[in-house]
Amino acid sequence: AALEFWRPLRERAAEADLPANELAPRLVGCLASPSAELRDRIGYELFTYWLRQGKLDDETRAELLAELQARLSEPGADVVLARSFSALVLAELVRSDANSPFMSGADREQLLEAAAAALAAETDFRGLDENVGWVHPVAHIADLLWRFALHPATTSAQGERLMQAVRARVAPTDVAYSFNEGDRLARVVSTLVRRRLVEPDRVSAWLASFSR
């Protein structure tokens, strides 16, 4: 029933009269679906399109921020899809905020801390699962942190916090990343260096610590 409802709406995404602000809160539930089509092709792609095309107003974006941030911190293997794909849409919200601000400084700080905590707490290291498709929570949270690294309002102190968050997960000893997670985490740090939010010598010292 959900696929029958959302499929035609996805095909109509570009139509001016599609009520994106009314539909967006209902679409959140699709992000936890075991159906890869409903979760990824419809849920994530629709949110991405609406946000990048400026279809969602500030009130809707704030509502999504609150709900998705709460889902980001829900523990347990049974809600890993909700965590993972909430992180992806939150990354799009941070991108949207960078272009058309709707978050306060406190909102950004709270979300950054929630993302760092979620990365540290994540215990599901699946990438592509043969039964449900992409799970990939580490990579998706890394994408959220990367959007913070790109955000024009991100401070040097927040850059340091981002680097700490990445360091805790970039080279785990109990699992081997197989689906590009390490590269996506490293991208956060390289962006911070390029934007001079962290000094290169700090990163050099950080990298050297892995060889001790």
N, C-alpha and C. Protein backbone atom coordinates (compact mmCIF):
# COMPACT_ATOMS: atom_id res chain seq x y z
N ALA A 1 0.83 -1.20 0.00
CA ALA A 1 0.00 0.00 0.00
C ALA A 1 0.87 1.26 0.00
N ALA A 2 1.95 1.24 0.77
CA ALA A 2 2.82 2.41 0.83
C ALA A 2 3.47 2.68 -0.53
N LEU A 3 3.93 1.60 -1.18
CA LEU A 3 4.55 1.77 -2.49
C LEU A 3 3.54 2.30 -3.50
N GLU A 4 2.32 1.81 -3.43
CA GLU A 4 1.28 2.27 -4.37
C GLU A 4 0.99 3.75 -4.16
N PHE A 5 1.09 4.21 -2.93
CA PHE A 5 0.84 5.63 -2.63
C PHE A 5 2.00 6.51 -3.09
N TRP A 6 3.24 6.08 -2.80
CA TRP A 6 4.40 6.94 -3.01
C TRP A 6 4.97 6.89 -4.42
N ARG A 7 4.84 5.77 -5.12
CA ARG A 7 5.43 5.68 -6.45
C ARG A 7 4.95 6.79 -7.38
N PRO A 8 3.65 6.99 -7.53
CA PRO A 8 3.20 8.06 -8.45
C PRO A 8 3.60 9.44 -7.96
N LEU A 9 3.69 9.64 -6.64
CA LEU A 9 4.10 10.94 -6.12
C LEU A 9 5.56 11.22 -6.44
N ARG A 10 6.39 10.18 -6.39
CA ARG A 10 7.79 10.39 -6.76
C ARG A 10 7.91 10.79 -8.22
N GLU A 11 7.09 10.17 -9.06
CA GLU A 11 7.13 10.51 -10.48
C GLU A 11 6.65 11.94 -10.73
N ARG A 12 5.86 12.47 -9.80
CA ARG A 12 5.33 13.83 -9.94
C ARG A 12 6.14 14.84 -9.15
N ALA A 13 7.32 14.47 -8.70
CA ALA A 13 8.10 15.31 -7.78
C ALA A 13 8.32 16.72 -8.30
N ALA A 14 8.47 16.87 -9.61
CA ALA A 14 8.78 18.19 -10.18
C ALA A 14 7.55 19.05 -10.40
N GLU A 15 6.37 18.51 -10.19
CA GLU A 15 5.15 19.29 -10.44
C GLU A 15 4.98 20.37 -9.38
N ALA A 16 4.65 21.56 -9.81
CA ALA A 16 4.57 22.71 -8.91
C ALA A 16 3.48 22.57 -7.86
N ASP A 17 2.39 21.84 -8.19
CA ASP A 17 1.28 21.76 -7.27
C ASP A 17 1.37 20.59 -6.29
N LEU A 18 2.47 19.84 -6.32
CA LEU A 18 2.64 18.74 -5.37
C LEU A 18 2.86 19.33 -3.97
N PRO A 19 2.04 18.96 -2.97
CA PRO A 19 2.14 19.58 -1.64
C PRO A 19 3.28 19.01 -0.81
N ALA A 20 4.50 19.36 -1.16
CA ALA A 20 5.69 18.77 -0.53
C ALA A 20 5.69 18.99 0.98
N ASN A 21 5.29 20.16 1.44
CA ASN A 21 5.32 20.44 2.88
C ASN A 21 4.33 19.58 3.65
N GLU A 22 3.24 19.21 3.03
CA GLU A 22 2.28 18.33 3.68
C GLU A 22 2.74 16.88 3.64
N LEU A 23 3.41 16.51 2.56
CA LEU A 23 3.82 15.13 2.39
C LEU A 23 5.09 14.77 3.16
N ALA A 24 5.98 15.73 3.34
CA ALA A 24 7.29 15.44 3.92
C ALA A 24 7.23 14.74 5.28
N PRO A 25 6.40 15.19 6.24
CA PRO A 25 6.36 14.48 7.53
C PRO A 25 5.89 13.04 7.39
N ARG A 26 5.03 12.77 6.43
CA ARG A 26 4.55 11.40 6.21
C ARG A 26 5.63 10.53 5.57
N LEU A 27 6.51 11.14 4.82
CA LEU A 27 7.56 10.41 4.12
C LEU A 27 8.62 9.87 5.07
N VAL A 28 8.75 10.47 6.25
CA VAL A 28 9.78 10.06 7.20
C VAL A 28 9.70 8.56 7.49
N GLY A 29 8.49 8.04 7.62
CA GLY A 29 8.32 6.62 7.93
C GLY A 29 8.94 5.70 6.88
N CYS A 30 9.04 6.16 5.65
CA CYS A 30 9.62 5.34 4.58
C CYS A 30 11.10 5.08 4.80
N LEU A 31 11.77 5.94 5.55
CA LEU A 31 13.21 5.80 5.74
C LEU A 31 13.58 4.58 6.57
N ALA A 32 12.62 4.01 7.29
CA ALA A 32 12.87 2.81 8.09
C ALA A 32 12.38 1.55 7.41
N SER A 33 11.87 1.66 6.20
CA SER A 33 11.27 0.52 5.51
C SER A 33 12.32 -0.51 5.10
N PRO A 34 12.02 -1.80 5.23
CA PRO A 34 12.93 -2.82 4.70
C PRO A 34 12.93 -2.88 3.17
N SER A 35 12.01 -2.17 2.54
CA SER A 35 11.97 -2.10 1.09
C SER A 35 12.98 -1.07 0.61
N ALA A 36 13.98 -1.52 -0.15
CA ALA A 36 14.99 -0.59 -0.65
C ALA A 36 14.37 0.46 -1.57
N GLU A 37 13.36 0.09 -2.33
CA GLU A 37 12.71 1.06 -3.20
C GLU A 37 12.03 2.15 -2.40
N LEU A 38 11.30 1.76 -1.37
CA LEU A 38 10.57 2.74 -0.57
C LEU A 38 11.52 3.60 0.25
N ARG A 39 12.55 3.00 0.79
CA ARG A 39 13.48 3.70 1.69
C ARG A 39 14.45 4.61 0.93
N ASP A 40 15.02 4.07 -0.14
CA ASP A 40 16.13 4.72 -0.82
C ASP A 40 15.67 5.50 -2.05
N ARG A 41 15.07 4.79 -2.99
CA ARG A 41 14.66 5.43 -4.24
C ARG A 41 13.53 6.44 -4.04
N ILE A 42 12.61 6.13 -3.13
CA ILE A 42 11.50 7.05 -2.91
C ILE A 42 11.79 7.99 -1.75
N GLY A 43 12.03 7.44 -0.54
CA GLY A 43 12.21 8.28 0.63
C GLY A 43 13.39 9.23 0.53
N TYR A 44 14.57 8.67 0.43
CA TYR A 44 15.77 9.52 0.40
C TYR A 44 15.81 10.41 -0.83
N GLU A 45 15.48 9.87 -1.99
CA GLU A 45 15.58 10.68 -3.21
C GLU A 45 14.54 11.79 -3.26
N LEU A 46 13.35 11.54 -2.74
CA LEU A 46 12.34 12.61 -2.70
C LEU A 46 12.77 13.72 -1.75
N PHE A 47 13.24 13.35 -0.56
CA PHE A 47 13.71 14.37 0.38
C PHE A 47 14.84 15.18 -0.25
N THR A 48 15.76 14.50 -0.90
CA THR A 48 16.89 15.20 -1.52
C THR A 48 16.40 16.18 -2.59
N TYR A 49 15.51 15.72 -3.41
CA TYR A 49 14.98 16.60 -4.46
C TYR A 49 14.27 17.81 -3.86
N TRP A 50 13.37 17.58 -2.91
CA TRP A 50 12.62 18.69 -2.32
C TRP A 50 13.55 19.70 -1.65
N LEU A 51 14.55 19.21 -0.94
CA LEU A 51 15.45 20.13 -0.23
C LEU A 51 16.36 20.88 -1.20
N ARG A 52 16.86 20.21 -2.20
CA ARG A 52 17.76 20.89 -3.14
C ARG A 52 17.03 21.85 -4.07
N GLN A 53 15.74 21.62 -4.25
CA GLN A 53 14.95 22.51 -5.10
C GLN A 53 14.21 23.58 -4.28
N GLY A 54 14.44 23.61 -2.97
CA GLY A 54 13.80 24.62 -2.12
C GLY A 54 12.31 24.45 -1.98
N LYS A 55 11.83 23.21 -2.01
CA LYS A 55 10.39 22.95 -1.95
C LYS A 55 9.84 22.93 -0.52
N LEU A 56 10.72 22.83 0.48
CA LEU A 56 10.28 22.72 1.87
C LEU A 56 10.54 24.03 2.61
N ASP A 57 9.52 24.51 3.32
CA ASP A 57 9.67 25.78 4.04
C ASP A 57 10.39 25.57 5.37
N ASP A 58 10.66 26.68 6.05
CA ASP A 58 11.44 26.61 7.29
C ASP A 58 10.74 25.78 8.35
N GLU A 59 9.43 25.90 8.47
CA GLU A 59 8.68 25.14 9.47
C GLU A 59 8.80 23.64 9.23
N THR A 60 8.68 23.24 7.99
CA THR A 60 8.80 21.82 7.66
C THR A 60 10.21 21.33 7.89
N ARG A 61 11.20 22.11 7.50
CA ARG A 61 12.59 21.70 7.71
C ARG A 61 12.88 21.56 9.20
N ALA A 62 12.36 22.47 10.01
CA ALA A 62 12.58 22.38 11.46
C ALA A 62 11.89 21.15 12.05
N GLU A 63 10.70 20.83 11.55
CA GLU A 63 9.99 19.64 12.01
C GLU A 63 10.78 18.38 11.66
N LEU A 64 11.30 18.34 10.44
CA LEU A 64 12.11 17.19 10.02
C LEU A 64 13.38 17.08 10.85
N LEU A 65 14.02 18.20 11.12
CA LEU A 65 15.24 18.20 11.92
C LEU A 65 14.98 17.54 13.28
N ALA A 66 13.91 17.95 13.95
CA ALA A 66 13.62 17.40 15.28
C ALA A 66 13.33 15.91 15.23
N GLU A 67 12.52 15.49 14.26
CA GLU A 67 12.14 14.09 14.20
C GLU A 67 13.30 13.20 13.79
N LEU A 68 14.05 13.61 12.80
CA LEU A 68 15.15 12.78 12.31
C LEU A 68 16.29 12.73 13.32
N GLN A 69 16.52 13.82 14.02
CA GLN A 69 17.57 13.82 15.03
C GLN A 69 17.22 12.84 16.15
N ALA A 70 15.95 12.79 16.52
CA ALA A 70 15.52 11.83 17.55
C ALA A 70 15.73 10.39 17.07
N ARG A 71 15.46 10.12 15.80
CA ARG A 71 15.65 8.78 15.25
C ARG A 71 17.13 8.42 15.18
N LEU A 72 17.98 9.40 15.00
CA LEU A 72 19.42 9.17 14.90
C LEU A 72 19.98 8.52 16.16
N SER A 73 19.36 8.79 17.30
CA SER A 73 19.90 8.30 18.56
C SER A 73 19.19 7.06 19.08
N GLU A 74 18.26 6.49 18.31
CA GLU A 74 17.55 5.30 18.75
C GLU A 74 18.47 4.08 18.64
N PRO A 75 18.69 3.37 19.74
CA PRO A 75 19.60 2.22 19.69
C PRO A 75 18.91 0.95 19.20
N GLY A 76 19.72 -0.02 18.79
CA GLY A 76 19.19 -1.34 18.47
C GLY A 76 19.25 -1.69 17.00
N ALA A 77 19.47 -2.97 16.73
CA ALA A 77 19.59 -3.43 15.35
C ALA A 77 18.28 -3.31 14.59
N ASP A 78 17.15 -3.36 15.30
CA ASP A 78 15.86 -3.34 14.63
C ASP A 78 15.52 -1.97 14.05
N VAL A 79 16.22 -0.93 14.47
CA VAL A 79 15.95 0.41 13.93
C VAL A 79 17.17 0.99 13.22
N VAL A 80 18.09 0.13 12.82
CA VAL A 80 19.30 0.64 12.17
C VAL A 80 18.98 1.35 10.86
N LEU A 81 17.99 0.89 10.11
CA LEU A 81 17.65 1.56 8.86
C LEU A 81 17.13 2.96 9.12
N ALA A 82 16.33 3.12 10.17
CA ALA A 82 15.84 4.45 10.53
C ALA A 82 16.99 5.36 10.91
N ARG A 83 17.94 4.85 11.69
CA ARG A 83 19.11 5.64 12.07
C ARG A 83 19.90 6.04 10.84
N SER A 84 20.18 5.06 10.00
CA SER A 84 21.07 5.27 8.88
C SER A 84 20.49 6.26 7.86
N PHE A 85 19.25 6.07 7.49
CA PHE A 85 18.68 6.94 6.47
C PHE A 85 18.21 8.27 7.04
N SER A 86 17.97 8.33 8.34
CA SER A 86 17.76 9.63 8.96
C SER A 86 19.04 10.46 8.87
N ALA A 87 20.19 9.80 9.06
CA ALA A 87 21.47 10.51 8.94
C ALA A 87 21.65 11.08 7.55
N LEU A 88 21.28 10.32 6.52
CA LEU A 88 21.41 10.81 5.15
C LEU A 88 20.54 12.03 4.90
N VAL A 89 19.31 11.99 5.37
CA VAL A 89 18.42 13.14 5.15
C VAL A 89 18.86 14.32 6.01
N LEU A 90 19.36 14.05 7.21
CA LEU A 90 19.91 15.14 8.02
C LEU A 90 21.09 15.80 7.31
N ALA A 91 21.88 15.01 6.59
CA ALA A 91 22.98 15.59 5.81
C ALA A 91 22.43 16.56 4.77
N GLU A 92 21.32 16.20 4.15
CA GLU A 92 20.69 17.09 3.18
C GLU A 92 20.10 18.33 3.86
N LEU A 93 19.61 18.17 5.07
CA LEU A 93 19.11 19.33 5.81
C LEU A 93 20.24 20.30 6.15
N VAL A 94 21.40 19.77 6.52
CA VAL A 94 22.55 20.64 6.80
C VAL A 94 22.98 21.35 5.53
N ARG A 95 22.99 20.65 4.41
CA ARG A 95 23.30 21.28 3.13
C ARG A 95 22.29 22.38 2.82
N SER A 96 21.02 22.10 3.04
CA SER A 96 19.97 23.08 2.80
C SER A 96 20.14 24.30 3.70
N ASP A 97 20.50 24.05 4.96
CA ASP A 97 20.71 25.15 5.91
C ASP A 97 21.90 26.01 5.50
N ALA A 98 22.92 25.39 4.93
CA ALA A 98 24.08 26.16 4.48
C ALA A 98 23.71 27.13 3.37
N ASN A 99 22.74 26.74 2.54
CA ASN A 99 22.33 27.58 1.42
C ASN A 99 21.20 28.54 1.78
N SER A 100 20.34 28.13 2.70
CA SER A 100 19.20 28.93 3.12
C SER A 100 18.94 28.64 4.59
N PRO A 101 19.60 29.38 5.50
CA PRO A 101 19.61 29.02 6.92
C PRO A 101 18.21 28.98 7.56
N PHE A 102 18.00 27.93 8.34
CA PHE A 102 16.80 27.83 9.16
C PHE A 102 17.14 27.37 10.57
N MET A 103 18.36 26.88 10.79
CA MET A 103 18.79 26.44 12.10
C MET A 103 19.45 27.58 12.86
N SER A 104 19.32 27.56 14.18
CA SER A 104 20.09 28.46 15.01
C SER A 104 21.47 27.84 15.27
N GLY A 105 22.37 28.62 15.82
CA GLY A 105 23.67 28.08 16.18
C GLY A 105 23.54 26.93 17.18
N ALA A 106 22.59 27.07 18.12
CA ALA A 106 22.36 26.01 19.11
C ALA A 106 21.83 24.75 18.44
N ASP A 107 20.96 24.92 17.43
CA ASP A 107 20.46 23.76 16.68
C ASP A 107 21.60 22.99 16.03
N ARG A 108 22.50 23.73 15.40
CA ARG A 108 23.62 23.08 14.71
C ARG A 108 24.53 22.36 15.71
N GLU A 109 24.80 23.02 16.82
CA GLU A 109 25.65 22.41 17.84
C GLU A 109 25.02 21.12 18.37
N GLN A 110 23.73 21.17 18.61
CA GLN A 110 23.03 19.99 19.13
C GLN A 110 23.06 18.84 18.12
N LEU A 111 22.84 19.15 16.86
CA LEU A 111 22.86 18.11 15.84
C LEU A 111 24.27 17.55 15.66
N LEU A 112 25.27 18.40 15.68
CA LEU A 112 26.65 17.91 15.55
C LEU A 112 26.98 16.94 16.68
N GLU A 113 26.60 17.29 17.89
CA GLU A 113 26.87 16.40 19.03
C GLU A 113 26.09 15.10 18.90
N ALA A 114 24.84 15.19 18.41
CA ALA A 114 24.04 13.98 18.23
C ALA A 114 24.67 13.07 17.17
N ALA A 115 25.20 13.67 16.10
CA ALA A 115 25.83 12.88 15.05
C ALA A 115 27.11 12.23 15.55
N ALA A 116 27.92 12.98 16.30
CA ALA A 116 29.16 12.42 16.85
C ALA A 116 28.85 11.27 17.80
N ALA A 117 27.82 11.45 18.63
CA ALA A 117 27.43 10.39 19.57
C ALA A 117 26.90 9.17 18.83
N ALA A 118 26.14 9.39 17.76
CA ALA A 118 25.59 8.28 16.99
C ALA A 118 26.69 7.48 16.33
N LEU A 119 27.71 8.17 15.80
CA LEU A 119 28.83 7.47 15.18
C LEU A 119 29.58 6.63 16.21
N ALA A 120 29.81 7.19 17.39
CA ALA A 120 30.54 6.47 18.44
C ALA A 120 29.76 5.26 18.93
N ALA A 121 28.42 5.37 18.92
CA ALA A 121 27.59 4.30 19.47
C ALA A 121 27.23 3.22 18.46
N GLU A 122 27.46 3.48 17.17
CA GLU A 122 26.99 2.55 16.14
C GLU A 122 27.71 1.20 16.21
N THR A 123 26.94 0.14 16.20
CA THR A 123 27.51 -1.21 16.27
C THR A 123 27.14 -2.06 15.06
N ASP A 124 26.38 -1.52 14.14
CA ASP A 124 26.00 -2.25 12.93
C ASP A 124 26.90 -1.77 11.79
N PHE A 125 27.75 -2.64 11.31
CA PHE A 125 28.74 -2.25 10.30
C PHE A 125 28.43 -2.82 8.92
N ARG A 126 27.17 -3.18 8.70
CA ARG A 126 26.80 -3.68 7.37
C ARG A 126 26.87 -2.56 6.34
N GLY A 127 27.23 -2.95 5.13
CA GLY A 127 27.17 -2.04 3.99
C GLY A 127 25.97 -2.42 3.15
N LEU A 128 26.22 -3.17 2.09
CA LEU A 128 25.15 -3.66 1.23
C LEU A 128 24.70 -5.02 1.74
N ASP A 129 23.45 -5.11 2.14
CA ASP A 129 22.87 -6.33 2.67
C ASP A 129 22.02 -6.99 1.59
N GLU A 130 22.19 -8.29 1.39
CA GLU A 130 21.49 -8.96 0.29
C GLU A 130 19.98 -8.98 0.48
N ASN A 131 19.51 -8.81 1.70
CA ASN A 131 18.07 -8.87 1.95
C ASN A 131 17.38 -7.51 1.89
N VAL A 132 18.04 -6.47 2.37
CA VAL A 132 17.37 -5.16 2.45
C VAL A 132 18.04 -4.07 1.62
N GLY A 133 19.18 -4.38 1.01
CA GLY A 133 19.89 -3.35 0.26
C GLY A 133 20.87 -2.60 1.15
N TRP A 134 21.09 -1.34 0.86
CA TRP A 134 22.06 -0.56 1.63
C TRP A 134 21.57 -0.33 3.06
N VAL A 135 22.45 -0.64 4.01
CA VAL A 135 22.24 -0.31 5.43
C VAL A 135 23.19 0.84 5.77
N HIS A 136 24.51 0.56 5.80
CA HIS A 136 25.56 1.57 5.71
C HIS A 136 25.49 2.72 6.73
N PRO A 137 25.21 2.45 8.00
CA PRO A 137 25.07 3.56 8.94
C PRO A 137 26.33 4.38 9.16
N VAL A 138 27.50 3.71 9.20
CA VAL A 138 28.74 4.46 9.43
C VAL A 138 28.98 5.46 8.30
N ALA A 139 28.82 5.00 7.06
CA ALA A 139 29.04 5.89 5.92
C ALA A 139 28.03 7.03 5.90
N HIS A 140 26.79 6.74 6.25
CA HIS A 140 25.76 7.78 6.21
C HIS A 140 25.97 8.82 7.30
N ILE A 141 26.39 8.39 8.48
CA ILE A 141 26.71 9.36 9.53
C ILE A 141 27.94 10.17 9.13
N ALA A 142 28.90 9.51 8.48
CA ALA A 142 30.07 10.23 7.97
C ALA A 142 29.65 11.31 6.98
N ASP A 143 28.66 11.03 6.15
CA ASP A 143 28.17 12.04 5.21
C ASP A 143 27.58 13.23 5.94
N LEU A 144 26.88 12.96 7.04
CA LEU A 144 26.32 14.04 7.85
C LEU A 144 27.45 14.90 8.43
N LEU A 145 28.48 14.27 8.96
CA LEU A 145 29.61 15.03 9.50
C LEU A 145 30.32 15.83 8.41
N TRP A 146 30.41 15.26 7.22
CA TRP A 146 31.03 15.97 6.10
C TRP A 146 30.27 17.23 5.75
N ARG A 147 28.95 17.16 5.80
CA ARG A 147 28.16 18.37 5.52
C ARG A 147 28.43 19.45 6.56
N PHE A 148 28.68 19.03 7.79
CA PHE A 148 29.08 20.02 8.80
C PHE A 148 30.45 20.60 8.47
N ALA A 149 31.37 19.77 8.00
CA ALA A 149 32.70 20.25 7.64
C ALA A 149 32.62 21.29 6.52
N LEU A 150 31.62 21.17 5.66
CA LEU A 150 31.43 22.10 4.54
C LEU A 150 30.64 23.35 4.93
N HIS A 151 29.92 23.29 6.03
CA HIS A 151 28.98 24.37 6.38
C HIS A 151 29.73 25.67 6.69
N PRO A 152 29.31 26.79 6.12
CA PRO A 152 30.04 28.04 6.35
C PRO A 152 30.03 28.53 7.79
N ALA A 153 29.07 28.07 8.60
CA ALA A 153 29.00 28.53 9.98
C ALA A 153 29.78 27.64 10.95
N THR A 154 30.35 26.57 10.46
CA THR A 154 31.10 25.67 11.34
C THR A 154 32.37 26.36 11.83
N THR A 155 32.59 26.27 13.14
CA THR A 155 33.72 26.94 13.78
C THR A 155 34.92 26.01 13.91
N SER A 156 36.06 26.59 14.26
CA SER A 156 37.26 25.77 14.48
C SER A 156 37.05 24.79 15.63
N ALA A 157 36.36 25.23 16.67
CA ALA A 157 36.07 24.32 17.79
C ALA A 157 35.21 23.15 17.33
N GLN A 158 34.25 23.44 16.49
CA GLN A 158 33.41 22.36 15.96
C GLN A 158 34.21 21.48 15.00
N GLY A 159 35.15 22.08 14.27
CA GLY A 159 36.02 21.29 13.43
C GLY A 159 36.83 20.30 14.23
N GLU A 160 37.31 20.73 15.37
CA GLU A 160 38.05 19.83 16.26
C GLU A 160 37.15 18.69 16.75
N ARG A 161 35.90 19.04 17.05
CA ARG A 161 34.95 18.00 17.51
C ARG A 161 34.67 17.00 16.39
N LEU A 162 34.56 17.48 15.18
CA LEU A 162 34.36 16.59 14.04
C LEU A 162 35.54 15.64 13.88
N MET A 163 36.75 16.17 14.02
CA MET A 163 37.93 15.34 13.87
C MET A 163 37.98 14.28 14.97
N GLN A 164 37.61 14.65 16.19
CA GLN A 164 37.57 13.68 17.28
C GLN A 164 36.57 12.56 16.99
N ALA A 165 35.42 12.95 16.45
CA ALA A 165 34.40 11.95 16.14
C ALA A 165 34.89 10.97 15.08
N VAL A 166 35.56 11.49 14.07
CA VAL A 166 36.08 10.64 13.00
C VAL A 166 37.18 9.72 13.54
N ARG A 167 38.07 10.27 14.36
CA ARG A 167 39.18 9.49 14.88
C ARG A 167 38.69 8.25 15.62
N ALA A 168 37.56 8.37 16.31
CA ALA A 168 37.05 7.25 17.10
C ALA A 168 36.56 6.10 16.24
N ARG A 169 36.33 6.36 14.95
CA ARG A 169 35.72 5.32 14.12
C ARG A 169 36.46 5.04 12.81
N VAL A 170 37.48 5.82 12.48
CA VAL A 170 38.07 5.69 11.15
C VAL A 170 38.87 4.39 10.98
N ALA A 171 39.36 3.83 12.07
CA ALA A 171 40.16 2.60 11.97
C ALA A 171 39.81 1.66 13.11
N PRO A 172 38.62 1.09 13.11
CA PRO A 172 38.22 0.19 14.20
C PRO A 172 39.07 -1.07 14.19
N THR A 173 39.28 -1.63 15.37
CA THR A 173 40.10 -2.85 15.47
C THR A 173 39.25 -4.12 15.42
N ASP A 174 37.93 -3.97 15.58
CA ASP A 174 37.09 -5.16 15.67
C ASP A 174 36.30 -5.46 14.40
N VAL A 175 36.49 -4.64 13.36
CA VAL A 175 35.77 -4.85 12.11
C VAL A 175 36.59 -4.26 10.97
N ALA A 176 36.44 -4.81 9.77
CA ALA A 176 37.10 -4.27 8.59
C ALA A 176 36.06 -3.62 7.70
N TYR A 177 36.23 -2.35 7.40
CA TYR A 177 35.30 -1.67 6.51
C TYR A 177 35.46 -2.22 5.09
N SER A 178 34.33 -2.47 4.43
CA SER A 178 34.36 -3.05 3.10
C SER A 178 33.59 -2.25 2.06
N PHE A 179 32.93 -1.17 2.49
CA PHE A 179 32.06 -0.44 1.59
C PHE A 179 32.35 1.07 1.60
N ASN A 180 33.63 1.41 1.59
CA ASN A 180 34.06 2.81 1.43
C ASN A 180 33.82 3.67 2.66
N GLU A 181 33.54 3.04 3.81
CA GLU A 181 33.29 3.83 5.01
C GLU A 181 34.51 4.66 5.42
N GLY A 182 35.70 4.04 5.34
CA GLY A 182 36.91 4.75 5.75
C GLY A 182 37.16 5.99 4.90
N ASP A 183 36.92 5.88 3.61
CA ASP A 183 37.12 7.03 2.73
C ASP A 183 36.14 8.15 3.05
N ARG A 184 34.93 7.79 3.36
CA ARG A 184 33.93 8.82 3.65
C ARG A 184 34.19 9.50 5.00
N LEU A 185 34.75 8.76 5.93
CA LEU A 185 35.17 9.38 7.18
C LEU A 185 36.39 10.29 6.95
N ALA A 186 37.34 9.80 6.16
CA ALA A 186 38.54 10.60 5.88
C ALA A 186 38.20 11.89 5.14
N ARG A 187 37.15 11.85 4.33
CA ARG A 187 36.72 13.05 3.59
C ARG A 187 36.35 14.19 4.54
N VAL A 188 35.82 13.84 5.69
CA VAL A 188 35.49 14.87 6.69
C VAL A 188 36.75 15.63 7.07
N VAL A 189 37.81 14.90 7.39
CA VAL A 189 39.06 15.51 7.85
C VAL A 189 39.73 16.30 6.72
N SER A 190 39.74 15.75 5.51
CA SER A 190 40.37 16.48 4.40
C SER A 190 39.64 17.78 4.11
N THR A 191 38.32 17.78 4.29
CA THR A 191 37.55 19.02 4.10
C THR A 191 37.87 20.03 5.19
N LEU A 192 38.01 19.56 6.41
CA LEU A 192 38.37 20.46 7.51
C LEU A 192 39.73 21.10 7.27
N VAL A 193 40.69 20.32 6.76
CA VAL A 193 42.02 20.86 6.48
C VAL A 193 41.95 21.88 5.34
N ARG A 194 41.23 21.52 4.30
CA ARG A 194 41.12 22.44 3.14
C ARG A 194 40.49 23.77 3.56
N ARG A 195 39.54 23.73 4.47
CA ARG A 195 38.88 24.96 4.92
C ARG A 195 39.61 25.61 6.09
N ARG A 196 40.72 25.00 6.52
CA ARG A 196 41.54 25.51 7.61
C ARG A 196 40.76 25.61 8.92
N LEU A 197 39.85 24.66 9.10
CA LEU A 197 39.14 24.55 10.38
C LEU A 197 39.93 23.72 11.37
N VAL A 198 40.88 22.93 10.87
CA VAL A 198 41.90 22.30 11.71
C VAL A 198 43.24 22.51 11.00
N GLU A 199 44.29 22.60 11.77
CA GLU A 199 45.61 22.83 11.20
C GLU A 199 46.21 21.52 10.68
N PRO A 200 46.93 21.57 9.57
CA PRO A 200 47.52 20.35 9.02
C PRO A 200 48.42 19.60 9.99
N ASP A 201 49.15 20.33 10.86
CA ASP A 201 50.03 19.63 11.79
C ASP A 201 49.24 18.84 12.83
N ARG A 202 48.02 19.31 13.14
CA ARG A 202 47.15 18.55 14.05
C ARG A 202 46.77 17.23 13.40
N VAL A 203 46.48 17.27 12.12
CA VAL A 203 46.10 16.05 11.41
C VAL A 203 47.30 15.11 11.29
N SER A 204 48.47 15.68 11.04
CA SER A 204 49.69 14.86 10.94
C SER A 204 49.95 14.12 12.24
N ALA A 205 49.80 14.82 13.35
CA ALA A 205 49.99 14.19 14.66
C ALA A 205 48.94 13.12 14.90
N TRP A 206 47.74 13.41 14.46
CA TRP A 206 46.63 12.47 14.60
C TRP A 206 46.90 11.20 13.80
N LEU A 207 47.37 11.36 12.57
CA LEU A 207 47.66 10.19 11.73
C LEU A 207 48.83 9.38 12.30
N ALA A 208 49.82 10.10 12.83
CA ALA A 208 50.98 9.42 13.39
C ALA A 208 50.59 8.53 14.58
N SER A 209 49.55 8.92 15.29
CA SER A 209 49.14 8.17 16.47
C SER A 209 48.65 6.78 16.10
N PHE A 210 48.22 6.57 14.87
CA PHE A 210 47.75 5.26 14.46
C PHE A 210 48.89 4.25 14.25
N SER A 211 50.09 4.76 14.08
CA SER A 211 51.21 3.86 13.81
C SER A 211 51.99 3.51 15.08
N ARG A 212 51.52 4.02 16.20
CA ARG A 212 52.26 3.74 17.45
C ARG A 212 51.86 2.38 18.02
